Protein backbone atom coordinates (compact mmCIF):
# COMPACT_ATOMS: atom_id res chain seq x y z
CA MET A 1 101.37 214.86 119.87
CA VAL A 2 98.93 212.01 119.14
CA TYR A 3 98.34 213.10 115.57
CA ALA A 4 102.11 213.02 115.07
CA ARG A 5 102.43 209.40 116.44
CA ILE A 6 99.61 208.48 113.93
CA VAL A 7 101.38 210.27 111.02
CA GLU A 8 104.82 208.79 112.07
CA GLY A 9 102.97 205.13 112.26
CA LYS A 10 101.56 205.55 108.87
CA VAL A 11 104.87 206.61 107.37
CA ARG A 12 106.63 203.56 108.89
CA ALA A 13 103.80 201.50 107.61
CA THR A 14 104.11 202.76 103.91
CA PHE A 15 107.76 202.11 104.11
CA ALA A 16 107.20 198.53 105.49
CA GLU A 17 104.86 198.16 102.48
CA ILE A 18 107.55 199.21 100.13
CA ASN A 19 110.01 196.91 101.66
CA ALA A 20 107.49 194.00 101.05
CA GLY A 21 107.36 194.95 97.38
CA ASN A 22 103.98 196.87 97.63
CA TYR A 23 105.16 200.29 96.26
CA THR A 24 101.40 200.95 95.33
CA ALA A 25 100.96 201.82 99.03
CA MET A 26 102.99 204.87 98.60
CA ILE A 27 101.31 205.75 95.26
CA ASP A 28 97.94 205.41 97.17
CA SER A 29 98.95 207.92 99.77
CA LEU A 30 99.43 210.69 97.30
CA GLY A 31 97.03 213.63 96.96
CA HIS A 32 95.69 215.22 93.98
CA PRO A 33 97.52 217.30 92.80
CA PHE A 34 101.04 216.28 94.09
CA VAL A 35 104.58 216.89 93.37
CA TYR A 36 107.54 214.28 93.70
CA ARG A 37 111.00 215.37 93.14
CA PHE A 38 114.13 213.18 93.31
CA HIS A 39 117.19 215.36 93.21
CA GLY A 40 119.80 214.74 90.27
CA ASP A 41 120.23 214.24 86.69
CA HIS A 42 119.97 210.30 86.39
CA ALA A 43 117.51 207.53 85.81
CA LEU A 44 115.69 207.95 88.95
CA GLY A 45 115.77 211.71 89.04
CA GLY A 46 113.24 214.32 87.97
CA ARG A 47 109.88 215.62 88.94
CA ARG A 48 106.53 213.87 88.61
CA THR A 49 103.09 214.84 89.19
CA THR A 50 101.00 212.01 87.99
CA ARG A 51 100.18 208.40 89.03
CA GLU A 52 101.15 207.05 85.97
CA ALA A 53 104.59 208.71 86.16
CA MET A 54 104.87 207.50 89.62
CA GLU A 55 104.11 203.93 88.64
CA LYS A 56 106.60 203.82 85.83
CA TRP A 57 109.32 205.10 88.28
CA TRP A 58 108.47 202.62 90.97
CA GLN A 59 108.86 199.95 88.15
CA ARG A 60 112.26 201.32 87.25
CA VAL A 61 113.47 201.33 90.80
CA ALA A 62 112.33 197.77 91.00
CA ALA A 63 114.26 196.87 87.90
CA LEU A 64 117.37 198.81 88.75
CA LEU A 65 117.62 198.03 92.43
CA PRO A 66 115.65 195.00 93.11
CA SER A 67 115.29 193.82 96.77
CA ALA A 68 116.31 197.23 98.08
CA GLN A 69 115.31 197.75 101.57
CA PHE A 70 114.72 200.95 103.66
CA THR A 71 115.56 201.18 107.35
CA ILE A 72 113.95 204.12 108.76
CA HIS A 73 115.96 205.92 111.49
CA GLU A 74 113.74 209.01 112.27
CA VAL A 75 110.65 210.49 111.41
CA ILE A 76 109.80 214.12 112.33
CA VAL A 77 106.52 215.26 112.24
CA ARG A 78 105.43 218.92 112.50
CA GLY A 79 101.87 220.68 112.20
CA GLY A 80 98.29 219.83 111.93
CA PRO A 81 96.17 217.85 109.44
CA TRP A 82 95.67 220.70 107.17
CA ARG A 83 99.46 221.07 106.59
CA THR A 84 101.65 218.53 107.99
CA ARG A 85 105.38 218.64 107.34
CA VAL A 86 107.19 215.29 107.61
CA ALA A 87 111.06 214.61 107.45
CA VAL A 88 112.26 211.00 107.24
CA ARG A 89 115.81 209.92 107.50
CA SER A 90 116.65 206.30 106.31
CA THR A 91 119.03 204.01 104.84
CA VAL A 92 118.40 202.24 101.64
CA ARG A 93 120.38 198.95 100.95
CA GLY A 94 120.13 196.26 98.19
CA PRO A 95 122.28 193.84 96.14
CA LEU A 96 124.02 195.17 92.98
CA PRO A 97 125.32 192.93 90.05
CA GLY A 98 128.58 191.42 90.86
CA GLY A 99 127.92 190.76 94.48
CA SER A 100 128.27 194.27 96.04
CA GLU A 101 125.71 196.11 97.83
CA TYR A 102 124.08 199.51 97.23
CA ARG A 103 123.79 201.48 100.53
CA ASN A 104 122.91 205.11 100.75
CA THR A 105 121.40 207.65 103.12
CA VAL A 106 118.05 209.03 101.88
CA VAL A 107 116.32 212.15 103.40
CA GLN A 108 112.74 212.82 102.34
CA PHE A 109 110.80 215.97 103.11
CA MET A 110 107.08 215.65 102.66
CA THR A 111 103.98 217.71 103.05
CA LEU A 112 100.71 216.20 103.86
CA ARG A 113 97.25 217.73 103.60
CA TRP A 114 94.43 215.83 105.30
CA GLY A 115 96.30 212.65 105.41
CA LYS A 116 97.31 212.73 101.76
CA VAL A 117 100.94 213.66 100.38
CA VAL A 118 100.90 216.48 98.31
CA ASP A 119 104.72 217.21 97.92
CA VAL A 120 107.84 214.91 98.33
CA GLU A 121 111.48 215.95 98.11
CA THR A 122 113.82 213.07 98.01
CA LEU A 123 117.64 213.75 98.45
CA GLU A 124 120.45 210.91 98.46
CA ASP A 125 124.35 210.89 97.96
CA LEU A 126 124.38 211.05 94.30
CA GLN A 127 127.72 209.82 94.01
CA GLU A 128 126.74 206.60 95.56
CA LEU A 129 123.76 206.34 93.56
CA ALA A 130 125.81 207.21 90.25
CA ARG A 131 128.24 204.42 91.24
CA ALA A 132 125.26 202.07 91.78
CA LEU A 133 123.65 202.80 88.57
CA GLU A 134 127.00 202.47 86.57
CA LYS A 135 127.21 198.81 87.94
CA VAL A 136 123.82 198.10 86.88
CA ALA A 137 124.29 199.54 83.44
CA ALA A 138 127.68 197.52 83.15
CA ALA A 139 125.66 194.39 83.92
CA GLY A 140 123.41 194.87 80.79
CA ASN A 141 120.52 196.96 82.14
CA PRO A 142 120.32 200.20 79.73
CA GLU A 143 117.54 201.38 81.92
CA ALA A 144 120.25 202.48 84.52
CA THR A 145 121.37 205.32 81.96
CA ALA A 146 117.91 206.17 80.84
CA ALA A 147 116.44 209.69 80.89
CA ALA A 148 114.57 210.57 84.01
CA ILE A 149 110.76 209.75 84.11
CA THR A 150 108.96 212.96 84.19
CA ASP A 151 105.58 214.49 83.30
């Protein structure tokens, strides 16, 4: 129970760092090796397994959805430090070109080994994300229609 609270606190702190513009906090939490999957065939989708690919991916997120903020609703932690399973349910919000707002539900499933994230699977409402990326592309950002960053 104490371990689960510690892990939940670290997860919430990492999202707080992301909200403050410090996505390297998330990258620094990754183990070696790791796999990060974001479902869907779009500019933010794909599978990444290297720090360099994750840095490029976060740079793209910042370019496409600047000022996006996560609100964490629930963090569920199971298992011990040798294999910890974490589920996070959150809302992401951020301004879009033309004055509208991107708002989506995000669910992430993570596996940690000895405090390092070795597997992440991210799910969002892909229709909402597609609409947001279309608005970003129409406003002149071609990266919104770029191929996924993978390695």
